[in-house]
Amino acid sequence: MRAKLSATMKFLLRIGLSICLLAWLISKANPDDLIEAILDLSFYAWGVAFLMYLASQVISSIRWYFLAHALDFTGPWSAYLKYYFVGLYFNLFLPTSVGGDMLKMHFISRGEPKKLRATYSLVADRLFGLAAMLLLGAGAVLIGQGILPHYFEHLLCVAGICVIASLLGLPMAYKLLGSAWPEIGKRLAVFLVFWEKPKALFAALSLSLVLQVLGMSAVALLAKDMGLSPPAAFYFAAFPLVAILTVLPISFNGIGIREGGFIFFLGLKGISAEKALTLSLSFFAIQIVASLIGGLVYAFGFHKKLLKDYAEKM
């Protein structure tokens, strides 16, 4: 009972923090300038950005499909697409932006003793997405030097180097770890399956780069339509830093944190808080609409079919 009460309190505190942060940021903006920035946003540009983001989510479901199959799951991509969008929908309402992953884990492991492998598929899915974001961020600051303060540029470059080192050196690190602590090595062996199946590894990393390019380009497109001056490389560098902050379990789905991040980074380029807030809310609106597609999938019960039932028909 105490555990449930504590979880409820944490959930309410996150919602409260998000509401307070968002209200504070809006209160600091000039209402007339904020309304003008919102009205100036082209619906055509928003629609194109929405389609780009939607395409990135479809590609993300394909990545998950490859990763799950590398871990011996079966079923067609269409099943993973349905499960993915239901998870996307519930990410809106569960305490963190990864809450829907618990449902996705449940969907692909129902009726089978594969919960741990299902969890690994989703952890790998997130890690490949993060790796691609950091690689693109590092590439952006190398191409467009001076687009962020030096400490942020150095942080992204170090992160990019760490990603490359991990991709190349993880098998060797696993061997050293396994020889020193055999039990820990056995538990982590499943992660090496992606290195043992290079096609799955290449597909996951390539798809991650493509979908991240689509998502960040959607933000850059909205910004360009609003007449914001920073080059596209700026959004590829700043967006990963903002996205990482939104995953921290201190707010409700990053609301308030995301908007504060946009205002901070765009403020470095002399962009007004009103326009930065409009850009953030416009992109969040895209995420909400895309997630509602998962609500329709859930409402029609497309998620109820077991993965093994798909496999039996193939």
C-alpha atoms as a PDB file:
ATOM      1  CA  MET A   1       0.000   0.000   0.000  1.00  0.00           C
ATOM      2  CA  ARG A   2       2.835   2.380   0.902  1.00  0.00           C
ATOM      3  CA  ALA A   3       4.628   1.547  -2.343  1.00  0.00           C
ATOM      4  CA  LYS A   4       1.512   2.397  -4.369  1.00  0.00           C
ATOM      5  CA  LEU A   5       1.061   5.636  -2.446  1.00  0.00           C
ATOM      6  CA  SER A   6       4.703   6.570  -3.000  1.00  0.00           C
ATOM      7  CA  ALA A   7       4.426   5.854  -6.736  1.00  0.00           C
ATOM      8  CA  THR A   8       1.243   7.950  -6.929  1.00  0.00           C
ATOM      9  CA  MET A   9       2.935  10.835  -5.112  1.00  0.00           C
ATOM     10  CA  LYS A  10       5.920  10.733  -7.472  1.00  0.00           C
ATOM     11  CA  PHE A  11       3.565  10.698 -10.454  1.00  0.00           C
ATOM     12  CA  LEU A  12       1.622  13.691  -9.129  1.00  0.00           C
ATOM     13  CA  LEU A  13       4.843  15.546  -8.348  1.00  0.00           C
ATOM     14  CA  ARG A  14       6.045  15.045 -11.939  1.00  0.00           C
ATOM     15  CA  ILE A  15       2.747  16.346 -13.310  1.00  0.00           C
ATOM     16  CA  GLY A  16       2.898  19.281 -10.899  1.00  0.00           C
ATOM     17  CA  LEU A  17       6.466  20.106 -11.907  1.00  0.00           C
ATOM     18  CA  SER A  18       5.562  19.992 -15.605  1.00  0.00           C
ATOM     19  CA  ILE A  19       2.533  22.241 -15.119  1.00  0.00           C
ATOM     20  CA  CYS A  20       4.493  24.724 -13.013  1.00  0.00           C
ATOM     21  CA  LEU A  21       7.421  24.838 -15.434  1.00  0.00           C
ATOM     22  CA  LEU A  22       5.199  25.291 -18.468  1.00  0.00           C
ATOM     23  CA  ALA A  23       3.079  27.941 -16.719  1.00  0.00           C
ATOM     24  CA  TRP A  24       6.223  29.801 -15.625  1.00  0.00           C
ATOM     25  CA  LEU A  25       7.704  29.745 -19.130  1.00  0.00           C
ATOM     26  CA  ILE A  26       4.441  30.998 -20.659  1.00  0.00           C
ATOM     27  CA  SER A  27       4.152  33.717 -18.004  1.00  0.00           C
ATOM     28  CA  LYS A  28       7.626  34.973 -18.950  1.00  0.00           C
ATOM     29  CA  ALA A  29       6.634  35.261 -22.619  1.00  0.00           C
ATOM     30  CA  ASN A  30       4.870  38.252 -24.135  1.00  0.00           C
ATOM     31  CA  PRO A  31       1.287  37.044 -24.839  1.00  0.00           C
ATOM     32  CA  ASP A  32       0.932  39.101 -28.039  1.00  0.00           C
ATOM     33  CA  ASP A  33       4.274  37.887 -29.427  1.00  0.00           C
ATOM     34  CA  LEU A  34       3.441  34.300 -28.480  1.00  0.00           C
ATOM     35  CA  ILE A  35       0.058  34.423 -30.234  1.00  0.00           C
ATOM     36  CA  GLU A  36       1.645  36.084 -33.277  1.00  0.00           C
ATOM     37  CA  ALA A  37       4.324  33.370 -33.472  1.00  0.00           C
ATOM     38  CA  ILE A  38       1.683  30.634 -33.284  1.00  0.00           C
ATOM     39  CA  LEU A  39      -0.505  32.253 -35.955  1.00  0.00           C
ATOM     40  CA  ASP A  40       2.477  32.742 -38.264  1.00  0.00           C
ATOM     41  CA  LEU A  41       3.199  29.014 -38.333  1.00  0.00           C
ATOM     42  CA  SER A  42       2.204  27.534 -41.690  1.00  0.00           C
ATOM     43  CA  PHE A  43      -0.161  24.562 -41.540  1.00  0.00           C
ATOM     44  CA  TYR A  44       1.491  23.231 -44.701  1.00  0.00           C
ATOM     45  CA  ALA A  45       4.915  23.210 -43.033  1.00  0.00           C
ATOM     46  CA  TRP A  46       3.413  21.618 -39.922  1.00  0.00           C
ATOM     47  CA  GLY A  47       1.773  18.930 -42.082  1.00  0.00           C
ATOM     48  CA  VAL A  48       5.025  18.097 -43.880  1.00  0.00           C
ATOM     49  CA  ALA A  49       6.889  17.992 -40.548  1.00  0.00           C
ATOM     50  CA  PHE A  50       4.178  15.685 -39.192  1.00  0.00           C
ATOM     51  CA  LEU A  51       4.596  13.276 -42.120  1.00  0.00           C
ATOM     52  CA  MET A  52       8.363  13.303 -41.609  1.00  0.00           C
ATOM     53  CA  TYR A  53       7.964  12.487 -37.924  1.00  0.00           C
ATOM     54  CA  LEU A  54       5.363   9.813 -38.669  1.00  0.00           C
ATOM     55  CA  ALA A  55       7.742   8.207 -41.169  1.00  0.00           C
ATOM     56  CA  SER A  56      10.456   8.217 -38.507  1.00  0.00           C
ATOM     57  CA  GLN A  57       8.160   6.298 -36.138  1.00  0.00           C
ATOM     58  CA  VAL A  58       7.332   3.715 -38.798  1.00  0.00           C
ATOM     59  CA  ILE A  59      11.071   3.258 -39.390  1.00  0.00           C
ATOM     60  CA  SER A  60      11.532   2.918 -35.638  1.00  0.00           C
ATOM     61  CA  SER A  61       9.086   0.007 -35.633  1.00  0.00           C
ATOM     62  CA  ILE A  62      11.134  -1.641 -38.405  1.00  0.00           C
ATOM     63  CA  ARG A  63      14.270  -1.240 -36.270  1.00  0.00           C
ATOM     64  CA  TRP A  64      12.532  -2.905 -33.335  1.00  0.00           C
ATOM     65  CA  TYR A  65      11.420  -5.723 -35.651  1.00  0.00           C
ATOM     66  CA  PHE A  66      15.033  -6.435 -36.682  1.00  0.00           C
ATOM     67  CA  LEU A  67      16.302  -6.290 -33.102  1.00  0.00           C
ATOM     68  CA  ALA A  68      13.533  -8.572 -31.805  1.00  0.00           C
ATOM     69  CA  HIS A  69      14.124 -11.114 -34.567  1.00  0.00           C
ATOM     70  CA  ALA A  70      17.839 -11.138 -33.733  1.00  0.00           C
ATOM     71  CA  LEU A  71      16.739 -12.216 -30.241  1.00  0.00           C
ATOM     72  CA  ASP A  72      14.702 -15.125 -31.688  1.00  0.00           C
ATOM     73  CA  PHE A  73      11.276 -13.483 -31.707  1.00  0.00           C
ATOM     74  CA  THR A  74       9.024 -14.235 -34.650  1.00  0.00           C
ATOM     75  CA  GLY A  75       6.074 -12.603 -36.386  1.00  0.00           C
ATOM     76  CA  PRO A  76       5.691 -10.146 -39.266  1.00  0.00           C
ATOM     77  CA  TRP A  77       6.660  -6.495 -39.195  1.00  0.00           C
ATOM     78  CA  SER A  78       2.958  -5.503 -39.268  1.00  0.00           C
ATOM     79  CA  ALA A  79       2.527  -6.937 -35.756  1.00  0.00           C
ATOM     80  CA  TYR A  80       5.455  -4.921 -34.416  1.00  0.00           C
ATOM     81  CA  LEU A  81       4.069  -1.814 -36.107  1.00  0.00           C
ATOM     82  CA  LYS A  82       0.757  -2.208 -34.242  1.00  0.00           C
ATOM     83  CA  TYR A  83       2.441  -2.879 -30.909  1.00  0.00           C
ATOM     84  CA  TYR A  84       4.826   0.017 -31.460  1.00  0.00           C
ATOM     85  CA  PHE A  85       2.094   2.596 -32.018  1.00  0.00           C
ATOM     86  CA  VAL A  86       0.116   1.392 -29.016  1.00  0.00           C
ATOM     87  CA  GLY A  87       3.263   1.884 -26.947  1.00  0.00           C
ATOM     88  CA  LEU A  88       3.697   5.319 -28.496  1.00  0.00           C
ATOM     89  CA  TYR A  89       0.159   6.211 -27.459  1.00  0.00           C
ATOM     90  CA  PHE A  90       0.637   5.140 -23.853  1.00  0.00           C
ATOM     91  CA  ASN A  91       3.911   7.044 -23.638  1.00  0.00           C
ATOM     92  CA  LEU A  92       1.653  10.110 -23.520  1.00  0.00           C
ATOM     93  CA  PHE A  93      -0.087   9.041 -20.323  1.00  0.00           C
ATOM     94  CA  LEU A  94       2.403   6.967 -18.382  1.00  0.00           C
ATOM     95  CA  PRO A  95       4.846   8.711 -16.005  1.00  0.00           C
ATOM     96  CA  THR A  96       7.886   8.822 -18.310  1.00  0.00           C
ATOM     97  CA  SER A  97       8.465   8.939 -22.051  1.00  0.00           C
ATOM     98  CA  VAL A  98       9.497   5.263 -21.960  1.00  0.00           C
ATOM     99  CA  GLY A  99       6.454   3.990 -20.057  1.00  0.00           C
ATOM    100  CA  GLY A 100       4.853   2.551 -23.191  1.00  0.00           C
ATOM    101  CA  ASP A 101       7.890   0.295 -23.625  1.00  0.00           C
ATOM    102  CA  MET A 102       6.593  -1.849 -20.761  1.00  0.00           C
ATOM    103  CA  LEU A 103       3.487  -2.592 -22.816  1.00  0.00           C
ATOM    104  CA  LYS A 104       5.539  -3.374 -25.908  1.00  0.00           C
ATOM    105  CA  MET A 105       7.628  -5.778 -23.859  1.00  0.00           C
ATOM    106  CA  HIS A 106       4.437  -7.458 -22.675  1.00  0.00           C
ATOM    107  CA  PHE A 107       2.972  -7.696 -26.185  1.00  0.00           C
ATOM    108  CA  ILE A 108       5.871  -9.600 -27.755  1.00  0.00           C
ATOM    109  CA  SER A 109       6.459 -11.900 -24.773  1.00  0.00           C
ATOM    110  CA  ARG A 110       2.842 -12.885 -24.031  1.00  0.00           C
ATOM    111  CA  GLY A 111       2.467 -16.613 -23.607  1.00  0.00           C
ATOM    112  CA  GLU A 112       6.229 -17.239 -23.789  1.00  0.00           C
ATOM    113  CA  PRO A 113       9.056 -17.194 -21.197  1.00  0.00           C
ATOM    114  CA  LYS A 114      10.883 -14.415 -23.056  1.00  0.00           C
ATOM    115  CA  LYS A 115      10.292 -11.329 -20.928  1.00  0.00           C
ATOM    116  CA  LEU A 116      14.001 -10.737 -20.387  1.00  0.00           C
ATOM    117  CA  ARG A 117      14.757 -10.954 -24.109  1.00  0.00           C
ATOM    118  CA  ALA A 118      11.802  -8.697 -24.854  1.00  0.00           C
ATOM    119  CA  THR A 119      13.252  -6.179 -22.410  1.00  0.00           C
ATOM    120  CA  TYR A 120      16.640  -6.447 -24.108  1.00  0.00           C
ATOM    121  CA  SER A 121      15.055  -5.741 -27.499  1.00  0.00           C
ATOM    122  CA  LEU A 122      13.560  -2.509 -26.173  1.00  0.00           C
ATOM    123  CA  VAL A 123      16.698  -1.468 -24.289  1.00  0.00           C
ATOM    124  CA  ALA A 124      18.690  -2.028 -27.478  1.00  0.00           C
ATOM    125  CA  ASP A 125      16.061  -0.086 -29.441  1.00  0.00           C
ATOM    126  CA  ARG A 126      16.488   2.916 -27.145  1.00  0.00           C
ATOM    127  CA  LEU A 127      20.278   2.642 -27.046  1.00  0.00           C
ATOM    128  CA  PHE A 128      20.608   2.541 -30.831  1.00  0.00           C
ATOM    129  CA  GLY A 129      18.366   5.599 -31.038  1.00  0.00           C
ATOM    130  CA  LEU A 130      20.495   7.437 -28.484  1.00  0.00           C
ATOM    131  CA  ALA A 131      23.700   6.372 -30.259  1.00  0.00           C
ATOM    132  CA  ALA A 132      22.424   7.737 -33.573  1.00  0.00           C
ATOM    133  CA  MET A 133      21.372  11.032 -31.970  1.00  0.00           C
ATOM    134  CA  LEU A 134      24.779  11.503 -30.383  1.00  0.00           C
ATOM    135  CA  LEU A 135      26.629  10.588 -33.584  1.00  0.00           C
ATOM    136  CA  LEU A 136      24.565  13.086 -35.557  1.00  0.00           C
ATOM    137  CA  GLY A 137      25.072  15.698 -32.839  1.00  0.00           C
ATOM    138  CA  ALA A 138      28.838  15.171 -32.912  1.00  0.00           C
ATOM    139  CA  GLY A 139      28.829  15.353 -36.699  1.00  0.00           C
ATOM    140  CA  ALA A 140      26.805  18.568 -36.615  1.00  0.00           C
ATOM    141  CA  VAL A 141      29.220  20.398 -34.313  1.00  0.00           C
ATOM    142  CA  LEU A 142      32.193  19.237 -36.399  1.00  0.00           C
ATOM    143  CA  ILE A 143      30.577  20.480 -39.617  1.00  0.00           C
ATOM    144  CA  GLY A 144      29.208  23.718 -38.210  1.00  0.00           C
ATOM    145  CA  GLN A 145      31.820  24.753 -35.656  1.00  0.00           C
ATOM    146  CA  GLY A 146      30.628  27.458 -33.301  1.00  0.00           C
ATOM    147  CA  ILE A 147      26.925  26.594 -33.521  1.00  0.00           C
ATOM    148  CA  LEU A 148      26.918  25.817 -29.766  1.00  0.00           C
ATOM    149  CA  PRO A 149      29.093  26.973 -26.852  1.00  0.00           C
ATOM    150  CA  HIS A 150      32.388  25.060 -26.713  1.00  0.00           C
ATOM    151  CA  TYR A 151      31.485  23.012 -23.643  1.00  0.00           C
ATOM    152  CA  PHE A 152      28.395  21.604 -25.395  1.00  0.00           C
ATOM    153  CA  GLU A 153      30.384  20.915 -28.561  1.00  0.00           C
ATOM    154  CA  HIS A 154      33.060  19.105 -26.562  1.00  0.00           C
ATOM    155  CA  LEU A 155      30.387  17.112 -24.736  1.00  0.00           C
ATOM    156  CA  LEU A 156      28.821  15.956 -28.012  1.00  0.00           C
ATOM    157  CA  CYS A 157      32.204  15.081 -29.534  1.00  0.00           C
ATOM    158  CA  VAL A 158      33.161  13.029 -26.476  1.00  0.00           C
ATOM    159  CA  ALA A 159      29.758  11.332 -26.568  1.00  0.00           C
ATOM    160  CA  GLY A 160      30.209  10.526 -30.263  1.00  0.00           C
ATOM    161  CA  ILE A 161      33.652   9.042 -29.601  1.00  0.00           C
ATOM    162  CA  CYS A 162      32.208   6.942 -26.758  1.00  0.00           C
ATOM    163  CA  VAL A 163      29.485   5.620 -29.078  1.00  0.00           C
ATOM    164  CA  ILE A 164      32.018   4.600 -31.743  1.00  0.00           C
ATOM    165  CA  ALA A 165      34.287   3.054 -29.110  1.00  0.00           C
ATOM    166  CA  SER A 166      31.344   1.085 -27.705  1.00  0.00           C
ATOM    167  CA  LEU A 167      30.284  -0.200 -31.105  1.00  0.00           C
ATOM    168  CA  LEU A 168      33.815  -1.317 -31.955  1.00  0.00           C
ATOM    169  CA  GLY A 169      35.060  -2.386 -28.547  1.00  0.00           C
ATOM    170  CA  LEU A 170      32.078  -3.948 -26.772  1.00  0.00           C
ATOM    171  CA  PRO A 171      32.896  -7.560 -27.800  1.00  0.00           C
ATOM    172  CA  MET A 172      36.445  -7.186 -26.459  1.00  0.00           C
ATOM    173  CA  ALA A 173      35.191  -5.541 -23.252  1.00  0.00           C
ATOM    174  CA  TYR A 174      32.727  -8.407 -22.825  1.00  0.00           C
ATOM    175  CA  LYS A 175      35.532 -10.981 -23.064  1.00  0.00           C
ATOM    176  CA  LEU A 176      37.572  -9.164 -20.423  1.00  0.00           C
ATOM    177  CA  LEU A 177      34.540  -8.803 -18.164  1.00  0.00           C
ATOM    178  CA  GLY A 178      33.567 -12.435 -18.674  1.00  0.00           C
ATOM    179  CA  SER A 179      37.014 -13.662 -17.704  1.00  0.00           C
ATOM    180  CA  ALA A 180      37.044 -11.545 -14.536  1.00  0.00           C
ATOM    181  CA  TRP A 181      33.405 -12.068 -13.502  1.00  0.00           C
ATOM    182  CA  PRO A 182      31.966 -15.125 -15.313  1.00  0.00           C
ATOM    183  CA  GLU A 183      28.485 -14.787 -13.802  1.00  0.00           C
ATOM    184  CA  ILE A 184      28.109 -11.181 -14.926  1.00  0.00           C
ATOM    185  CA  GLY A 185      29.475 -12.138 -18.341  1.00  0.00           C
ATOM    186  CA  LYS A 186      26.794 -14.785 -18.763  1.00  0.00           C
ATOM    187  CA  ARG A 187      24.038 -12.292 -17.968  1.00  0.00           C
ATOM    188  CA  LEU A 188      25.359  -9.767 -20.484  1.00  0.00           C
ATOM    189  CA  ALA A 189      26.023 -12.313 -23.249  1.00  0.00           C
ATOM    190  CA  VAL A 190      22.630 -11.693 -24.835  1.00  0.00           C
ATOM    191  CA  PHE A 191      23.666  -8.131 -25.763  1.00  0.00           C
ATOM    192  CA  LEU A 192      26.448  -9.527 -27.941  1.00  0.00           C
ATOM    193  CA  VAL A 193      23.913 -11.276 -30.148  1.00  0.00           C
ATOM    194  CA  PHE A 194      23.677  -8.110 -32.270  1.00  0.00           C
ATOM    195  CA  TRP A 195      27.429  -8.220 -32.917  1.00  0.00           C
ATOM    196  CA  GLU A 196      27.126 -11.911 -33.815  1.00  0.00           C
ATOM    197  CA  LYS A 197      24.424 -10.978 -36.334  1.00  0.00           C
ATOM    198  CA  PRO A 198      26.019  -8.090 -38.250  1.00  0.00           C
ATOM    199  CA  LYS A 199      23.017  -7.657 -40.566  1.00  0.00           C
ATOM    200  CA  ALA A 200      20.783  -6.868 -37.594  1.00  0.00           C
ATOM    201  CA  LEU A 201      23.423  -4.538 -36.139  1.00  0.00           C
ATOM    202  CA  PHE A 202      23.892  -2.700 -39.444  1.00  0.00           C
ATOM    203  CA  ALA A 203      20.127  -2.461 -40.008  1.00  0.00           C
ATOM    204  CA  ALA A 204      19.485  -1.114 -36.489  1.00  0.00           C
ATOM    205  CA  LEU A 205      22.211   1.528 -36.710  1.00  0.00           C
ATOM    206  CA  SER A 206      21.343   2.580 -40.277  1.00  0.00           C
ATOM    207  CA  LEU A 207      17.623   2.846 -39.521  1.00  0.00           C
ATOM    208  CA  SER A 208      18.408   4.778 -36.337  1.00  0.00           C
ATOM    209  CA  LEU A 209      20.377   7.350 -38.305  1.00  0.00           C
ATOM    210  CA  VAL A 210      17.622   7.707 -40.913  1.00  0.00           C
ATOM    211  CA  LEU A 211      14.807   8.115 -38.405  1.00  0.00           C
ATOM    212  CA  GLN A 212      16.776  10.608 -36.315  1.00  0.00           C
ATOM    213  CA  VAL A 213      17.531  12.650 -39.441  1.00  0.00           C
ATOM    214  CA  LEU A 214      13.816  12.712 -40.225  1.00  0.00           C
ATOM    215  CA  GLY A 215      12.854  13.775 -36.700  1.00  0.00           C
ATOM    216  CA  MET A 216      15.461  16.516 -36.406  1.00  0.00           C
ATOM    217  CA  SER A 217      14.755  17.708 -39.941  1.00  0.00           C
ATOM    218  CA  ALA A 218      11.100  18.086 -38.968  1.00  0.00           C
ATOM    219  CA  VAL A 219      12.159  20.473 -36.189  1.00  0.00           C
ATOM    220  CA  ALA A 220      14.470  22.353 -38.570  1.00  0.00           C
ATOM    221  CA  LEU A 221      11.654  22.649 -41.129  1.00  0.00           C
ATOM    222  CA  LEU A 222       9.278  24.150 -38.568  1.00  0.00           C
ATOM    223  CA  ALA A 223      12.017  26.555 -37.475  1.00  0.00           C
ATOM    224  CA  LYS A 224      12.738  27.641 -41.044  1.00  0.00           C
ATOM    225  CA  ASP A 225       9.029  28.224 -41.670  1.00  0.00           C
ATOM    226  CA  MET A 226       8.995  30.469 -38.591  1.00  0.00           C
ATOM    227  CA  GLY A 227      11.899  32.455 -40.028  1.00  0.00           C
ATOM    228  CA  LEU A 228      14.411  31.385 -37.382  1.00  0.00           C
ATOM    229  CA  SER A 229      18.007  32.056 -38.367  1.00  0.00           C
ATOM    230  CA  PRO A 230      20.072  29.077 -37.025  1.00  0.00           C
ATOM    231  CA  PRO A 231      21.251  26.578 -39.677  1.00  0.00           C
ATOM    232  CA  ALA A 232      19.907  23.033 -39.787  1.00  0.00           C
ATOM    233  CA  ALA A 233      23.107  21.731 -38.146  1.00  0.00           C
ATOM    234  CA  PHE A 234      22.188  23.695 -35.006  1.00  0.00           C
ATOM    235  CA  TYR A 235      19.043  21.606 -34.457  1.00  0.00           C
ATOM    236  CA  PHE A 236      20.962  18.373 -35.033  1.00  0.00           C
ATOM    237  CA  ALA A 237      23.356  19.463 -32.275  1.00  0.00           C
ATOM    238  CA  ALA A 238      20.876  20.944 -29.785  1.00  0.00           C
ATOM    239  CA  PHE A 239      18.023  18.453 -30.170  1.00  0.00           C
ATOM    240  CA  PRO A 240      19.924  15.441 -28.712  1.00  0.00           C
ATOM    241  CA  LEU A 241      20.754  17.453 -25.591  1.00  0.00           C
ATOM    242  CA  VAL A 242      17.113  18.481 -25.138  1.00  0.00           C
ATOM    243  CA  ALA A 243      15.853  14.947 -25.858  1.00  0.00           C
ATOM    244  CA  ILE A 244      18.135  13.448 -23.195  1.00  0.00           C
ATOM    245  CA  LEU A 245      16.788  15.906 -20.615  1.00  0.00           C
ATOM    246  CA  THR A 246      13.170  14.938 -21.383  1.00  0.00           C
ATOM    247  CA  VAL A 247      13.871  11.276 -20.576  1.00  0.00           C
ATOM    248  CA  LEU A 248      14.953  12.117 -17.014  1.00  0.00           C
ATOM    249  CA  PRO A 249      12.192  11.019 -14.580  1.00  0.00           C
ATOM    250  CA  ILE A 250      11.643  14.469 -13.091  1.00  0.00           C
ATOM    251  CA  SER A 251       8.670  15.645 -15.142  1.00  0.00           C
ATOM    252  CA  PHE A 252       5.636  14.244 -16.938  1.00  0.00           C
ATOM    253  CA  ASN A 253       6.884  13.109 -20.362  1.00  0.00           C
ATOM    254  CA  GLY A 254       9.411  15.944 -20.436  1.00  0.00           C
ATOM    255  CA  ILE A 255       6.726  18.654 -20.563  1.00  0.00           C
ATOM    256  CA  GLY A 256       8.222  21.908 -19.349  1.00  0.00           C
ATOM    257  CA  ILE A 257      11.762  20.508 -19.535  1.00  0.00           C
ATOM    258  CA  ARG A 258      11.505  20.261 -23.332  1.00  0.00           C
ATOM    259  CA  GLU A 259      10.180  23.796 -23.669  1.00  0.00           C
ATOM    260  CA  GLY A 260      12.835  25.158 -21.303  1.00  0.00           C
ATOM    261  CA  GLY A 261      15.529  23.400 -23.338  1.00  0.00           C
ATOM    262  CA  PHE A 262      14.280  24.917 -26.589  1.00  0.00           C
ATOM    263  CA  ILE A 263      14.145  28.385 -25.029  1.00  0.00           C
ATOM    264  CA  PHE A 264      17.668  28.028 -23.611  1.00  0.00           C
ATOM    265  CA  PHE A 265      19.394  26.759 -26.753  1.00  0.00           C
ATOM    266  CA  LEU A 266      17.550  29.024 -29.173  1.00  0.00           C
ATOM    267  CA  GLY A 267      18.138  31.912 -26.784  1.00  0.00           C
ATOM    268  CA  LEU A 268      21.872  31.377 -27.337  1.00  0.00           C
ATOM    269  CA  LYS A 269      21.200  32.345 -30.973  1.00  0.00           C
ATOM    270  CA  GLY A 270      19.183  35.401 -30.068  1.00  0.00           C
ATOM    271  CA  ILE A 271      15.796  33.780 -30.727  1.00  0.00           C
ATOM    272  CA  SER A 272      12.964  35.106 -28.580  1.00  0.00           C
ATOM    273  CA  ALA A 273      11.377  32.922 -25.916  1.00  0.00           C
ATOM    274  CA  GLU A 274       8.020  33.259 -27.675  1.00  0.00           C
ATOM    275  CA  LYS A 275       9.299  31.752 -30.926  1.00  0.00           C
ATOM    276  CA  ALA A 276      11.290  29.061 -29.117  1.00  0.00           C
ATOM    277  CA  LEU A 277       8.225  28.106 -27.091  1.00  0.00           C
ATOM    278  CA  THR A 278       6.085  28.012 -30.234  1.00  0.00           C
ATOM    279  CA  LEU A 279       8.602  25.734 -31.960  1.00  0.00           C
ATOM    280  CA  SER A 280       8.695  23.364 -28.998  1.00  0.00           C
ATOM    281  CA  LEU A 281       4.912  23.208 -28.610  1.00  0.00           C
ATOM    282  CA  SER A 282       4.441  22.766 -32.372  1.00  0.00           C
ATOM    283  CA  PHE A 283       6.763  19.769 -32.417  1.00  0.00           C
ATOM    284  CA  PHE A 284       5.138  18.355 -29.283  1.00  0.00           C
ATOM    285  CA  ALA A 285       1.759  18.693 -31.022  1.00  0.00           C
ATOM    286  CA  ILE A 286       3.157  16.580 -33.870  1.00  0.00           C
ATOM    287  CA  GLN A 287       4.215  13.928 -31.357  1.00  0.00           C
ATOM    288  CA  ILE A 288       0.764  13.946 -29.764  1.00  0.00           C
ATOM    289  CA  VAL A 289      -1.097  13.552 -33.068  1.00  0.00           C
ATOM    290  CA  ALA A 290       1.220  10.714 -34.148  1.00  0.00           C
ATOM    291  CA  SER A 291       0.683   9.028 -30.778  1.00  0.00           C
ATOM    292  CA  LEU A 292      -3.102   9.262 -31.137  1.00  0.00           C
ATOM    293  CA  ILE A 293      -2.834   6.921 -34.127  1.00  0.00           C
ATOM    294  CA  GLY A 294      -1.736   4.336 -31.578  1.00  0.00           C
ATOM    295  CA  GLY A 295      -4.876   5.164 -29.615  1.00  0.00           C
ATOM    296  CA  LEU A 296      -6.959   4.114 -32.618  1.00  0.00           C
ATOM    297  CA  VAL A 297      -4.939   0.899 -32.944  1.00  0.00           C
ATOM    298  CA  TYR A 298      -5.619   0.209 -29.268  1.00  0.00           C
ATOM    299  CA  ALA A 299      -9.324   1.128 -29.514  1.00  0.00           C
ATOM    300  CA  PHE A 300      -9.866  -1.315 -32.378  1.00  0.00           C
ATOM    301  CA  GLY A 301      -8.030  -4.051 -30.486  1.00  0.00           C
ATOM    302  CA  PHE A 302      -5.334  -4.651 -33.104  1.00  0.00           C
ATOM    303  CA  HIS A 303      -2.833  -5.206 -30.290  1.00  0.00           C
ATOM    304  CA  LYS A 304      -4.721  -8.179 -28.822  1.00  0.00           C
ATOM    305  CA  LYS A 305      -3.465 -10.768 -31.276  1.00  0.00           C
ATOM    306  CA  LEU A 306      -0.533 -12.757 -29.889  1.00  0.00           C
ATOM    307  CA  LEU A 307       2.770 -12.663 -31.708  1.00  0.00           C
ATOM    308  CA  LYS A 308       2.903 -16.461 -31.848  1.00  0.00           C
ATOM    309  CA  ASP A 309      -0.487 -16.500 -33.618  1.00  0.00           C
ATOM    310  CA  TYR A 310       1.022 -14.434 -36.427  1.00  0.00           C
ATOM    311  CA  ALA A 311       3.924 -16.856 -36.620  1.00  0.00           C
ATOM    312  CA  GLU A 312       1.652 -19.887 -36.895  1.00  0.00           C
ATOM    313  CA  LYS A 313       0.011 -18.482 -40.039  1.00  0.00           C
ATOM    314  CA  MET A 314       3.324 -17.711 -41.759  1.00  0.00           C
END
